Amino acid sequence: MTFTVRPIEEGEWDATGRVYTLALPHDPFSGADFRKRDAEQRGWGYTTATLVALDEAGEVLGIASYYQNPGAYHPCRYTLEIAVHPERKGQGIGTALWNAVEADLTRHGAESVRVLAREDHPVAPGFLTRRGFTGDKRSFASSLDLTAFDDGPSRALEDRLAARGVRVRSLAELRVADVPDLTARLHALMSDVRRDVPRAEPATPLSREVFEEAVLGDPGLLEDAYLVAEHDGRWIGQTTLFRSEASPDLLTGLTGVTREWRGQGVATLLKLHAIRAGRALGGTLIRTDNASDNAPMLAVNDRLGFVRDPASVSYVKTFGD
């Protein structure tokens, strides 16, 4: 078959999101999600591009998008997402998309690029390995069925923390209460709790601009499920839920607890409140992702009943070797 690879045009975002989600249903991403990320990256001065493979009729057959991670920023390191329509696999589309991306990244002076692939994917691990990628980090996507969740086993923990003066408040409540310096405090809390989160690349500070645009400005952010744990006026932990138009599932953002409060059940308490908020919002499934070496959070999720998918592997390719 004949196809063309070129940069995406404005009218192609939704079709691109559909193809990506068909190819990777465990990681749904809408056209609006792609468009928003592209605009943010360009607004922050980062280097990004989304390429599409099109047949002669202009139908999107595949997509490759590279961008820079604001939470682990390095001017020469990139993240890649690449997908081919399930009915068009084995026709050279993925190869053509990667060749175009590789040429772009070489021209930009890239040091490395990372891409996630499920270890049980029939094509991706071999495709990446043949092109010089090496897998070095693993993570787990997990899901919780809200319709079957029983919070009974967690109530004793909730009572203990309540007796110590720990309470959980939502972003919606904090805004109604007109909490002074709310955005600055939320930014400071996230900056604090994310420092020790295991990741494939070293964490870098999340600027106030990025926080406001990528987190608070996300149209999928659920304010009733952006939760803060508080003790004696101090904020000691947070969790967030988002929703994408690509899927009815609720997606977990960052869950984290300040160092002095770790190991005392605060993360479990936050997750418990998020589950209740998710059910109140009509959600039926919560999804989350954790690095395989993030044992404390994996244990929290396991105790709450999250079920793990097969592991995903972070593959990295280094340029200029």
C-alpha atoms as a PDB file:
ATOM      1  CA  MET A   1       0.000   0.000   0.000  1.00  0.00           C
ATOM      2  CA  THR A   2       1.014   3.639  -0.440  1.00  0.00           C
ATOM      3  CA  PHE A   3       1.185   6.027   2.488  1.00  0.00           C
ATOM      4  CA  THR A   4       2.783   9.340   3.406  1.00  0.00           C
ATOM      5  CA  VAL A   5       4.386  10.479   6.669  1.00  0.00           C
ATOM      6  CA  ARG A   6       4.233  14.169   7.493  1.00  0.00           C
ATOM      7  CA  PRO A   7       3.554  16.557  10.417  1.00  0.00           C
ATOM      8  CA  ILE A   8      -0.011  16.546  11.669  1.00  0.00           C
ATOM      9  CA  GLU A   9      -2.450  19.175  10.427  1.00  0.00           C
ATOM     10  CA  GLU A  10      -5.152  20.841  12.501  1.00  0.00           C
ATOM     11  CA  GLY A  11      -8.069  18.752  11.292  1.00  0.00           C
ATOM     12  CA  GLU A  12      -6.336  15.441  12.071  1.00  0.00           C
ATOM     13  CA  TRP A  13      -6.051  15.499  15.865  1.00  0.00           C
ATOM     14  CA  ASP A  14      -9.242  13.562  16.610  1.00  0.00           C
ATOM     15  CA  ALA A  15      -8.478  10.828  14.070  1.00  0.00           C
ATOM     16  CA  THR A  16      -4.982  10.568  15.525  1.00  0.00           C
ATOM     17  CA  GLY A  17      -6.372  10.105  19.029  1.00  0.00           C
ATOM     18  CA  ARG A  18      -8.737   7.385  17.802  1.00  0.00           C
ATOM     19  CA  VAL A  19      -5.939   5.453  16.091  1.00  0.00           C
ATOM     20  CA  TYR A  20      -3.686   5.737  19.121  1.00  0.00           C
ATOM     21  CA  THR A  21      -6.421   4.514  21.474  1.00  0.00           C
ATOM     22  CA  LEU A  22      -7.354   1.633  19.162  1.00  0.00           C
ATOM     23  CA  ALA A  23      -3.720   0.553  19.094  1.00  0.00           C
ATOM     24  CA  LEU A  24      -3.155   1.026  22.840  1.00  0.00           C
ATOM     25  CA  PRO A  25      -6.545   0.660  24.553  1.00  0.00           C
ATOM     26  CA  HIS A  26      -4.874   0.358  27.967  1.00  0.00           C
ATOM     27  CA  ASP A  27      -3.469   3.889  27.506  1.00  0.00           C
ATOM     28  CA  PRO A  28      -6.271   5.931  25.889  1.00  0.00           C
ATOM     29  CA  PHE A  29      -5.401   9.412  24.635  1.00  0.00           C
ATOM     30  CA  SER A  30      -7.798  11.680  22.780  1.00  0.00           C
ATOM     31  CA  GLY A  31      -7.182  14.141  20.002  1.00  0.00           C
ATOM     32  CA  ALA A  32      -7.847  16.929  22.498  1.00  0.00           C
ATOM     33  CA  ASP A  33      -5.183  15.443  24.791  1.00  0.00           C
ATOM     34  CA  PHE A  34      -2.642  15.430  21.949  1.00  0.00           C
ATOM     35  CA  ARG A  35      -3.555  18.955  20.886  1.00  0.00           C
ATOM     36  CA  LYS A  36      -3.310  20.309  24.438  1.00  0.00           C
ATOM     37  CA  ARG A  37       0.086  18.737  25.016  1.00  0.00           C
ATOM     38  CA  ASP A  38       1.399  20.090  21.731  1.00  0.00           C
ATOM     39  CA  ALA A  39       0.252  23.614  22.608  1.00  0.00           C
ATOM     40  CA  GLU A  40       1.755  23.390  26.102  1.00  0.00           C
ATOM     41  CA  GLN A  41       5.094  22.129  24.844  1.00  0.00           C
ATOM     42  CA  ARG A  42       5.368  24.927  22.329  1.00  0.00           C
ATOM     43  CA  GLY A  43       4.260  27.510  24.894  1.00  0.00           C
ATOM     44  CA  TRP A  44       7.000  26.378  27.290  1.00  0.00           C
ATOM     45  CA  GLY A  45       9.619  26.583  24.544  1.00  0.00           C
ATOM     46  CA  TYR A  46      10.117  22.825  24.326  1.00  0.00           C
ATOM     47  CA  THR A  47      10.814  20.850  21.158  1.00  0.00           C
ATOM     48  CA  THR A  48       7.912  18.666  20.016  1.00  0.00           C
ATOM     49  CA  ALA A  49       6.242  17.261  16.922  1.00  0.00           C
ATOM     50  CA  THR A  50       3.436  14.883  16.047  1.00  0.00           C
ATOM     51  CA  LEU A  51       3.759  12.955  12.798  1.00  0.00           C
ATOM     52  CA  VAL A  52       1.016  10.993  11.061  1.00  0.00           C
ATOM     53  CA  ALA A  53       1.036   8.295   8.413  1.00  0.00           C
ATOM     54  CA  LEU A  54      -1.782   8.781   5.885  1.00  0.00           C
ATOM     55  CA  ASP A  55      -3.084   6.643   3.062  1.00  0.00           C
ATOM     56  CA  GLU A  56      -3.985   8.087  -0.355  1.00  0.00           C
ATOM     57  CA  ALA A  57      -7.460   9.011   0.904  1.00  0.00           C
ATOM     58  CA  GLY A  58      -6.051  10.955   3.850  1.00  0.00           C
ATOM     59  CA  GLU A  59      -7.012   8.366   6.482  1.00  0.00           C
ATOM     60  CA  VAL A  60      -4.727   8.303   9.527  1.00  0.00           C
ATOM     61  CA  LEU A  61      -2.945   4.937   9.720  1.00  0.00           C
ATOM     62  CA  GLY A  62      -0.408   5.653  12.428  1.00  0.00           C
ATOM     63  CA  ILE A  63       1.002   8.323  14.702  1.00  0.00           C
ATOM     64  CA  ALA A  64       4.345   9.200  16.279  1.00  0.00           C
ATOM     65  CA  SER A  65       4.671  12.032  18.782  1.00  0.00           C
ATOM     66  CA  TYR A  66       7.852  13.152  20.504  1.00  0.00           C
ATOM     67  CA  TYR A  67       8.011  15.705  23.284  1.00  0.00           C
ATOM     68  CA  GLN A  68       9.954  16.722  26.396  1.00  0.00           C
ATOM     69  CA  ASN A  69       8.958  15.791  29.935  1.00  0.00           C
ATOM     70  CA  PRO A  70       8.486  18.922  32.081  1.00  0.00           C
ATOM     71  CA  GLY A  71       8.885  16.903  35.285  1.00  0.00           C
ATOM     72  CA  ALA A  72      12.192  15.376  34.170  1.00  0.00           C
ATOM     73  CA  TYR A  73      13.353  18.019  31.741  1.00  0.00           C
ATOM     74  CA  HIS A  74      16.603  17.853  29.827  1.00  0.00           C
ATOM     75  CA  PRO A  75      17.019  19.912  26.628  1.00  0.00           C
ATOM     76  CA  CYS A  76      18.345  16.920  24.687  1.00  0.00           C
ATOM     77  CA  ARG A  77      16.133  14.114  26.046  1.00  0.00           C
ATOM     78  CA  TYR A  78      12.765  13.164  24.620  1.00  0.00           C
ATOM     79  CA  THR A  79       9.755  10.938  25.157  1.00  0.00           C
ATOM     80  CA  LEU A  80       8.158   9.116  22.231  1.00  0.00           C
ATOM     81  CA  GLU A  81       4.723   7.645  21.615  1.00  0.00           C
ATOM     82  CA  ILE A  82       4.212   5.599  18.461  1.00  0.00           C
ATOM     83  CA  ALA A  83       1.205   3.559  17.347  1.00  0.00           C
ATOM     84  CA  VAL A  84      -0.203   1.974  14.203  1.00  0.00           C
ATOM     85  CA  HIS A  85      -3.852   1.183  13.513  1.00  0.00           C
ATOM     86  CA  PRO A  86      -4.384  -2.470  14.529  1.00  0.00           C
ATOM     87  CA  GLU A  87      -5.687  -3.342  11.060  1.00  0.00           C
ATOM     88  CA  ARG A  88      -2.602  -1.830   9.375  1.00  0.00           C
ATOM     89  CA  LYS A  89       0.187  -3.581  11.247  1.00  0.00           C
ATOM     90  CA  GLY A  90       2.979  -5.261   9.302  1.00  0.00           C
ATOM     91  CA  GLN A  91       2.833  -2.848   6.360  1.00  0.00           C
ATOM     92  CA  GLY A  92       5.908  -0.741   7.142  1.00  0.00           C
ATOM     93  CA  ILE A  93       4.004   2.138   8.751  1.00  0.00           C
ATOM     94  CA  GLY A  94       5.753   1.923  12.122  1.00  0.00           C
ATOM     95  CA  THR A  95       9.135   1.764  10.415  1.00  0.00           C
ATOM     96  CA  ALA A  96       8.396   4.841   8.312  1.00  0.00           C
ATOM     97  CA  LEU A  97       7.183   6.784  11.354  1.00  0.00           C
ATOM     98  CA  TRP A  98      10.266   5.855  13.371  1.00  0.00           C
ATOM     99  CA  ASN A  99      12.607   6.753  10.515  1.00  0.00           C
ATOM    100  CA  ALA A 100      11.018  10.206  10.337  1.00  0.00           C
ATOM    101  CA  VAL A 101      11.243  10.663  14.110  1.00  0.00           C
ATOM    102  CA  GLU A 102      14.864   9.507  14.186  1.00  0.00           C
ATOM    103  CA  ALA A 103      15.773  12.008  11.478  1.00  0.00           C
ATOM    104  CA  ASP A 104      14.027  14.808  13.396  1.00  0.00           C
ATOM    105  CA  LEU A 105      15.673  13.949  16.711  1.00  0.00           C
ATOM    106  CA  THR A 106      19.097  13.679  15.106  1.00  0.00           C
ATOM    107  CA  ARG A 107      18.595  17.116  13.570  1.00  0.00           C
ATOM    108  CA  HIS A 108      17.598  18.503  16.987  1.00  0.00           C
ATOM    109  CA  GLY A 109      20.775  17.118  18.567  1.00  0.00           C
ATOM    110  CA  ALA A 110      18.947  14.605  20.762  1.00  0.00           C
ATOM    111  CA  GLU A 111      20.913  12.739  23.409  1.00  0.00           C
ATOM    112  CA  SER A 112      18.248  10.084  24.004  1.00  0.00           C
ATOM    113  CA  VAL A 113      14.597   9.171  23.560  1.00  0.00           C
ATOM    114  CA  ARG A 114      12.365   6.961  25.717  1.00  0.00           C
ATOM    115  CA  VAL A 115       9.237   5.008  24.858  1.00  0.00           C
ATOM    116  CA  LEU A 116       7.005   2.711  26.933  1.00  0.00           C
ATOM    117  CA  ALA A 117       5.922  -0.688  25.622  1.00  0.00           C
ATOM    118  CA  ARG A 118       3.938  -3.430  27.295  1.00  0.00           C
ATOM    119  CA  GLU A 119       6.076  -6.531  27.723  1.00  0.00           C
ATOM    120  CA  ASP A 120       3.248  -8.693  26.331  1.00  0.00           C
ATOM    121  CA  HIS A 121       2.853  -6.611  23.142  1.00  0.00           C
ATOM    122  CA  PRO A 122       3.281  -8.906  20.134  1.00  0.00           C
ATOM    123  CA  VAL A 123       5.352  -6.410  18.126  1.00  0.00           C
ATOM    124  CA  ALA A 124       6.725  -3.491  20.140  1.00  0.00           C
ATOM    125  CA  PRO A 125       9.589  -5.099  22.151  1.00  0.00           C
ATOM    126  CA  GLY A 126      11.164  -6.634  19.061  1.00  0.00           C
ATOM    127  CA  PHE A 127      10.527  -3.523  16.948  1.00  0.00           C
ATOM    128  CA  LEU A 128      12.305  -1.328  19.485  1.00  0.00           C
ATOM    129  CA  THR A 129      15.190  -3.708  20.155  1.00  0.00           C
ATOM    130  CA  ARG A 130      15.979  -3.986  16.441  1.00  0.00           C
ATOM    131  CA  ARG A 131      16.252  -0.201  16.303  1.00  0.00           C
ATOM    132  CA  GLY A 132      18.761   0.101  19.111  1.00  0.00           C
ATOM    133  CA  PHE A 133      16.471   0.634  22.091  1.00  0.00           C
ATOM    134  CA  THR A 134      17.307  -0.992  25.432  1.00  0.00           C
ATOM    135  CA  GLY A 135      14.768  -1.707  28.163  1.00  0.00           C
ATOM    136  CA  ASP A 136      15.936  -0.542  31.585  1.00  0.00           C
ATOM    137  CA  LYS A 137      12.912   0.355  33.747  1.00  0.00           C
ATOM    138  CA  ARG A 138       9.598  -1.401  34.415  1.00  0.00           C
ATOM    139  CA  SER A 139       6.235  -0.127  35.630  1.00  0.00           C
ATOM    140  CA  PHE A 140       2.767  -1.471  36.263  1.00  0.00           C
ATOM    141  CA  ALA A 141      -0.599  -0.116  35.202  1.00  0.00           C
ATOM    142  CA  SER A 142      -3.284  -1.208  37.659  1.00  0.00           C
ATOM    143  CA  SER A 143      -7.046  -0.800  37.805  1.00  0.00           C
ATOM    144  CA  LEU A 144      -9.695  -0.872  40.507  1.00  0.00           C
ATOM    145  CA  ASP A 145     -13.331  -1.797  39.904  1.00  0.00           C
ATOM    146  CA  LEU A 146     -15.263   0.848  41.838  1.00  0.00           C
ATOM    147  CA  THR A 147     -18.516  -1.059  41.590  1.00  0.00           C
ATOM    148  CA  ALA A 148     -17.086  -3.919  43.671  1.00  0.00           C
ATOM    149  CA  PHE A 149     -14.917  -1.965  46.106  1.00  0.00           C
ATOM    150  CA  ASP A 150     -15.476  -2.505  49.838  1.00  0.00           C
ATOM    151  CA  ASP A 151     -14.066   0.212  52.085  1.00  0.00           C
ATOM    152  CA  GLY A 152     -14.740  -1.760  55.272  1.00  0.00           C
ATOM    153  CA  PRO A 153     -11.160  -2.996  55.793  1.00  0.00           C
ATOM    154  CA  SER A 154      -9.842   0.596  55.594  1.00  0.00           C
ATOM    155  CA  ARG A 155     -12.188   2.196  58.120  1.00  0.00           C
ATOM    156  CA  ALA A 156     -10.012   1.397  61.136  1.00  0.00           C
ATOM    157  CA  LEU A 157      -7.076   3.198  59.492  1.00  0.00           C
ATOM    158  CA  GLU A 158      -9.343   6.119  58.669  1.00  0.00           C
ATOM    159  CA  ASP A 159     -10.499   6.326  62.284  1.00  0.00           C
ATOM    160  CA  ARG A 160      -6.929   6.209  63.622  1.00  0.00           C
ATOM    161  CA  LEU A 161      -5.780   9.051  61.400  1.00  0.00           C
ATOM    162  CA  ALA A 162      -8.886  11.088  62.182  1.00  0.00           C
ATOM    163  CA  ALA A 163      -8.115  10.680  65.896  1.00  0.00           C
ATOM    164  CA  ARG A 164      -4.663  12.133  65.176  1.00  0.00           C
ATOM    165  CA  GLY A 165      -6.233  15.144  63.494  1.00  0.00           C
ATOM    166  CA  VAL A 166      -5.635  14.200  59.849  1.00  0.00           C
ATOM    167  CA  ARG A 167      -8.403  15.227  57.454  1.00  0.00           C
ATOM    168  CA  VAL A 168      -8.814  15.218  53.687  1.00  0.00           C
ATOM    169  CA  ARG A 169     -10.123  18.190  51.710  1.00  0.00           C
ATOM    170  CA  SER A 170     -10.849  18.487  48.004  1.00  0.00           C
ATOM    171  CA  LEU A 171      -9.741  21.259  45.684  1.00  0.00           C
ATOM    172  CA  ALA A 172     -13.416  22.153  45.263  1.00  0.00           C
ATOM    173  CA  GLU A 173     -13.740  22.582  49.049  1.00  0.00           C
ATOM    174  CA  LEU A 174     -10.523  24.580  49.288  1.00  0.00           C
ATOM    175  CA  ARG A 175     -11.735  26.972  46.616  1.00  0.00           C
ATOM    176  CA  VAL A 176     -15.103  27.439  48.308  1.00  0.00           C
ATOM    177  CA  ALA A 177     -13.254  28.137  51.569  1.00  0.00           C
ATOM    178  CA  ASP A 178     -11.186  30.769  49.725  1.00  0.00           C
ATOM    179  CA  VAL A 179      -7.905  29.404  51.131  1.00  0.00           C
ATOM    180  CA  PRO A 180      -5.210  32.097  50.849  1.00  0.00           C
ATOM    181  CA  ASP A 181      -2.402  31.483  48.354  1.00  0.00           C
ATOM    182  CA  LEU A 182      -4.133  28.295  47.221  1.00  0.00           C
ATOM    183  CA  THR A 183      -2.284  27.824  43.941  1.00  0.00           C
ATOM    184  CA  ALA A 184       1.094  28.531  45.523  1.00  0.00           C
ATOM    185  CA  ARG A 185       0.418  26.049  48.332  1.00  0.00           C
ATOM    186  CA  LEU A 186      -0.757  23.338  45.935  1.00  0.00           C
ATOM    187  CA  HIS A 187       2.333  23.880  43.801  1.00  0.00           C
ATOM    188  CA  ALA A 188       4.598  23.703  46.847  1.00  0.00           C
ATOM    189  CA  LEU A 189       2.937  20.485  48.044  1.00  0.00           C
ATOM    190  CA  MET A 190       3.272  18.761  44.676  1.00  0.00           C
ATOM    191  CA  SER A 191       6.872  19.936  44.371  1.00  0.00           C
ATOM    192  CA  ASP A 192       7.606  18.446  47.784  1.00  0.00           C
ATOM    193  CA  VAL A 193       5.943  15.038  47.468  1.00  0.00           C
ATOM    194  CA  ARG A 194       7.184  14.298  43.935  1.00  0.00           C
ATOM    195  CA  ARG A 195      10.874  14.534  44.840  1.00  0.00           C
ATOM    196  CA  ASP A 196      11.301  10.857  45.713  1.00  0.00           C
ATOM    197  CA  VAL A 197       8.917   9.286  43.200  1.00  0.00           C
ATOM    198  CA  PRO A 198      10.848   6.624  41.235  1.00  0.00           C
ATOM    199  CA  ARG A 199      11.097   7.483  37.551  1.00  0.00           C
ATOM    200  CA  ALA A 200      13.094   6.596  34.462  1.00  0.00           C
ATOM    201  CA  GLU A 201      14.821   9.996  34.333  1.00  0.00           C
ATOM    202  CA  PRO A 202      15.898  12.257  37.234  1.00  0.00           C
ATOM    203  CA  ALA A 203      13.171  14.596  38.473  1.00  0.00           C
ATOM    204  CA  THR A 204      13.494  18.292  37.769  1.00  0.00           C
ATOM    205  CA  PRO A 205      11.540  21.085  39.480  1.00  0.00           C
ATOM    206  CA  LEU A 206       8.029  21.603  38.142  1.00  0.00           C
ATOM    207  CA  SER A 207       7.685  25.318  37.436  1.00  0.00           C
ATOM    208  CA  ARG A 208       4.648  27.267  38.610  1.00  0.00           C
ATOM    209  CA  GLU A 209       3.723  27.901  34.973  1.00  0.00           C
ATOM    210  CA  VAL A 210       3.802  24.212  34.092  1.00  0.00           C
ATOM    211  CA  PHE A 211       1.844  23.316  37.230  1.00  0.00           C
ATOM    212  CA  GLU A 212      -0.892  25.828  36.493  1.00  0.00           C
ATOM    213  CA  GLU A 213      -1.223  24.878  32.829  1.00  0.00           C
ATOM    214  CA  ALA A 214      -0.629  21.118  32.873  1.00  0.00           C
ATOM    215  CA  VAL A 215      -2.293  20.248  36.195  1.00  0.00           C
ATOM    216  CA  LEU A 216      -4.749  22.916  37.354  1.00  0.00           C
ATOM    217  CA  GLY A 217      -5.504  23.886  33.754  1.00  0.00           C
ATOM    218  CA  ASP A 218      -6.212  20.353  32.568  1.00  0.00           C
ATOM    219  CA  PRO A 219      -9.870  20.227  31.456  1.00  0.00           C
ATOM    220  CA  GLY A 220     -10.005  16.632  32.660  1.00  0.00           C
ATOM    221  CA  LEU A 221      -9.011  17.478  36.237  1.00  0.00           C
ATOM    222  CA  LEU A 222     -11.764  16.490  38.692  1.00  0.00           C
ATOM    223  CA  GLU A 223     -11.767  19.139  41.408  1.00  0.00           C
ATOM    224  CA  ASP A 224     -13.833  16.956  43.764  1.00  0.00           C
ATOM    225  CA  ALA A 225     -11.135  14.284  43.425  1.00  0.00           C
ATOM    226  CA  TYR A 226      -8.046  16.502  43.725  1.00  0.00           C
ATOM    227  CA  LEU A 227      -7.457  15.761  47.392  1.00  0.00           C
ATOM    228  CA  VAL A 228      -5.137  17.178  50.035  1.00  0.00           C
ATOM    229  CA  ALA A 229      -4.380  15.572  53.408  1.00  0.00           C
ATOM    230  CA  GLU A 230      -4.012  18.111  56.190  1.00  0.00           C
ATOM    231  CA  HIS A 231      -2.726  17.972  59.770  1.00  0.00           C
ATOM    232  CA  ASP A 232      -2.674  20.920  62.137  1.00  0.00           C
ATOM    233  CA  GLY A 233      -2.928  23.356  59.222  1.00  0.00           C
ATOM    234  CA  ARG A 234      -0.075  21.742  57.285  1.00  0.00           C
ATOM    235  CA  TRP A 235      -0.587  19.879  54.029  1.00  0.00           C
ATOM    236  CA  ILE A 236       1.027  16.456  54.210  1.00  0.00           C
ATOM    237  CA  GLY A 237      -0.098  14.620  51.080  1.00  0.00           C
ATOM    238  CA  GLN A 238      -2.093  14.727  47.875  1.00  0.00           C
ATOM    239  CA  THR A 239      -3.717  12.654  45.159  1.00  0.00           C
ATOM    240  CA  THR A 240      -5.580  13.565  41.975  1.00  0.00           C
ATOM    241  CA  LEU A 241      -8.016  12.038  39.529  1.00  0.00           C
ATOM    242  CA  PHE A 242      -8.499  13.050  35.908  1.00  0.00           C
ATOM    243  CA  ARG A 243     -10.856  12.011  33.137  1.00  0.00           C
ATOM    244  CA  SER A 244     -10.092  11.960  29.397  1.00  0.00           C
ATOM    245  CA  GLU A 245     -12.690  12.071  26.657  1.00  0.00           C
ATOM    246  CA  ALA A 246     -10.887   9.045  25.205  1.00  0.00           C
ATOM    247  CA  SER A 247     -12.205   6.775  27.972  1.00  0.00           C
ATOM    248  CA  PRO A 248     -14.784   6.672  30.775  1.00  0.00           C
ATOM    249  CA  ASP A 249     -12.086   5.436  33.169  1.00  0.00           C
ATOM    250  CA  LEU A 250     -10.749   7.716  35.897  1.00  0.00           C
ATOM    251  CA  LEU A 251      -6.990   8.283  35.700  1.00  0.00           C
ATOM    252  CA  THR A 252      -4.781   8.810  38.739  1.00  0.00           C
ATOM    253  CA  GLY A 253      -2.301  11.660  38.737  1.00  0.00           C
ATOM    254  CA  LEU A 254       0.372  12.032  41.401  1.00  0.00           C
ATOM    255  CA  THR A 255      -0.219  10.471  44.819  1.00  0.00           C
ATOM    256  CA  GLY A 256       2.440  11.467  47.305  1.00  0.00           C
ATOM    257  CA  VAL A 257       3.067  12.128  51.008  1.00  0.00           C
ATOM    258  CA  THR A 258       5.617  14.360  52.707  1.00  0.00           C
ATOM    259  CA  ARG A 259       8.638  12.509  54.055  1.00  0.00           C
ATOM    260  CA  GLU A 260       7.784  12.834  57.745  1.00  0.00           C
ATOM    261  CA  TRP A 261       4.325  11.320  57.225  1.00  0.00           C
ATOM    262  CA  ARG A 262       5.225   8.361  55.042  1.00  0.00           C
ATOM    263  CA  GLY A 263       4.471   4.878  56.274  1.00  0.00           C
ATOM    264  CA  GLN A 264       1.584   6.060  58.469  1.00  0.00           C
ATOM    265  CA  GLY A 265      -1.344   5.325  56.172  1.00  0.00           C
ATOM    266  CA  VAL A 266      -1.823   8.779  54.661  1.00  0.00           C
ATOM    267  CA  ALA A 267      -1.471   7.549  51.077  1.00  0.00           C
ATOM    268  CA  THR A 268      -4.060   4.838  51.731  1.00  0.00           C
ATOM    269  CA  LEU A 269      -6.396   7.425  53.266  1.00  0.00           C
ATOM    270  CA  LEU A 270      -6.032   9.670  50.221  1.00  0.00           C
ATOM    271  CA  LYS A 271      -6.680   6.770  47.850  1.00  0.00           C
ATOM    272  CA  LEU A 272      -9.743   5.766  49.870  1.00  0.00           C
ATOM    273  CA  HIS A 273     -11.188   9.268  49.580  1.00  0.00           C
ATOM    274  CA  ALA A 274     -10.356   9.317  45.859  1.00  0.00           C
ATOM    275  CA  ILE A 275     -12.242   6.063  45.387  1.00  0.00           C
ATOM    276  CA  ARG A 276     -15.297   7.512  47.120  1.00  0.00           C
ATOM    277  CA  ALA A 277     -15.046  10.710  45.092  1.00  0.00           C
ATOM    278  CA  GLY A 278     -14.716   8.699  41.902  1.00  0.00           C
ATOM    279  CA  ARG A 279     -17.842   6.711  42.691  1.00  0.00           C
ATOM    280  CA  ALA A 280     -19.749   9.901  43.537  1.00  0.00           C
ATOM    281  CA  LEU A 281     -18.745  11.247  40.116  1.00  0.00           C
ATOM    282  CA  GLY A 282     -20.160   8.166  38.399  1.00  0.00           C
ATOM    283  CA  GLY A 283     -16.856   6.444  37.735  1.00  0.00           C
ATOM    284  CA  THR A 284     -16.661   2.683  37.519  1.00  0.00           C
ATOM    285  CA  LEU A 285     -12.908   2.113  37.090  1.00  0.00           C
ATOM    286  CA  ILE A 286      -9.775   3.892  38.351  1.00  0.00           C
ATOM    287  CA  ARG A 287      -6.456   3.388  36.577  1.00  0.00           C
ATOM    288  CA  THR A 288      -3.014   4.164  37.927  1.00  0.00           C
ATOM    289  CA  ASP A 289       0.653   3.614  36.997  1.00  0.00           C
ATOM    290  CA  ASN A 290       3.592   2.927  39.288  1.00  0.00           C
ATOM    291  CA  ALA A 291       7.253   2.143  38.783  1.00  0.00           C
ATOM    292  CA  SER A 292       8.120  -1.436  39.673  1.00  0.00           C
ATOM    293  CA  ASP A 293      10.588  -0.179  42.306  1.00  0.00           C
ATOM    294  CA  ASN A 294       7.948   1.984  44.021  1.00  0.00           C
ATOM    295  CA  ALA A 295       7.217  -0.780  46.530  1.00  0.00           C
ATOM    296  CA  PRO A 296       5.305   1.347  49.094  1.00  0.00           C
ATOM    297  CA  MET A 297       2.742   2.637  46.589  1.00  0.00           C
ATOM    298  CA  LEU A 298       2.381  -0.725  44.891  1.00  0.00           C
ATOM    299  CA  ALA A 299       1.645  -2.216  48.316  1.00  0.00           C
ATOM    300  CA  VAL A 300      -1.013   0.437  48.980  1.00  0.00           C
ATOM    301  CA  ASN A 301      -2.694  -0.307  45.666  1.00  0.00           C
ATOM    302  CA  ASP A 302      -2.514  -4.064  46.216  1.00  0.00           C
ATOM    303  CA  ARG A 303      -4.176  -3.756  49.630  1.00  0.00           C
ATOM    304  CA  LEU A 304      -6.983  -1.675  48.150  1.00  0.00           C
ATOM    305  CA  GLY A 305      -7.616  -4.280  45.449  1.00  0.00           C
ATOM    306  CA  PHE A 306      -6.029  -2.756  42.361  1.00  0.00           C
ATOM    307  CA  VAL A 307      -5.310  -5.427  39.758  1.00  0.00           C
ATOM    308  CA  ARG A 308      -2.043  -5.153  37.846  1.00  0.00           C
ATOM    309  CA  ASP A 309      -1.743  -5.346  34.077  1.00  0.00           C
ATOM    310  CA  PRO A 310       1.336  -6.943  32.508  1.00  0.00           C
ATOM    311  CA  ALA A 311       4.387  -4.771  33.100  1.00  0.00           C
ATOM    312  CA  SER A 312       5.396  -1.976  30.767  1.00  0.00           C
ATOM    313  CA  VAL A 313       9.066  -1.492  29.955  1.00  0.00           C
ATOM    314  CA  SER A 314      10.731   1.875  29.431  1.00  0.00           C
ATOM    315  CA  TYR A 315      13.030   1.551  26.419  1.00  0.00           C
ATOM    316  CA  VAL A 316      15.741   4.126  25.816  1.00  0.00           C
ATOM    317  CA  LYS A 317      17.767   4.814  22.689  1.00  0.00           C
ATOM    318  CA  THR A 318      20.926   6.881  22.958  1.00  0.00           C
ATOM    319  CA  PHE A 319      22.082   8.917  19.963  1.00  0.00           C
ATOM    320  CA  GLY A 320      25.656   9.467  18.884  1.00  0.00           C
ATOM    321  CA  ASP A 321      27.163   6.243  20.259  1.00  0.00           C
END
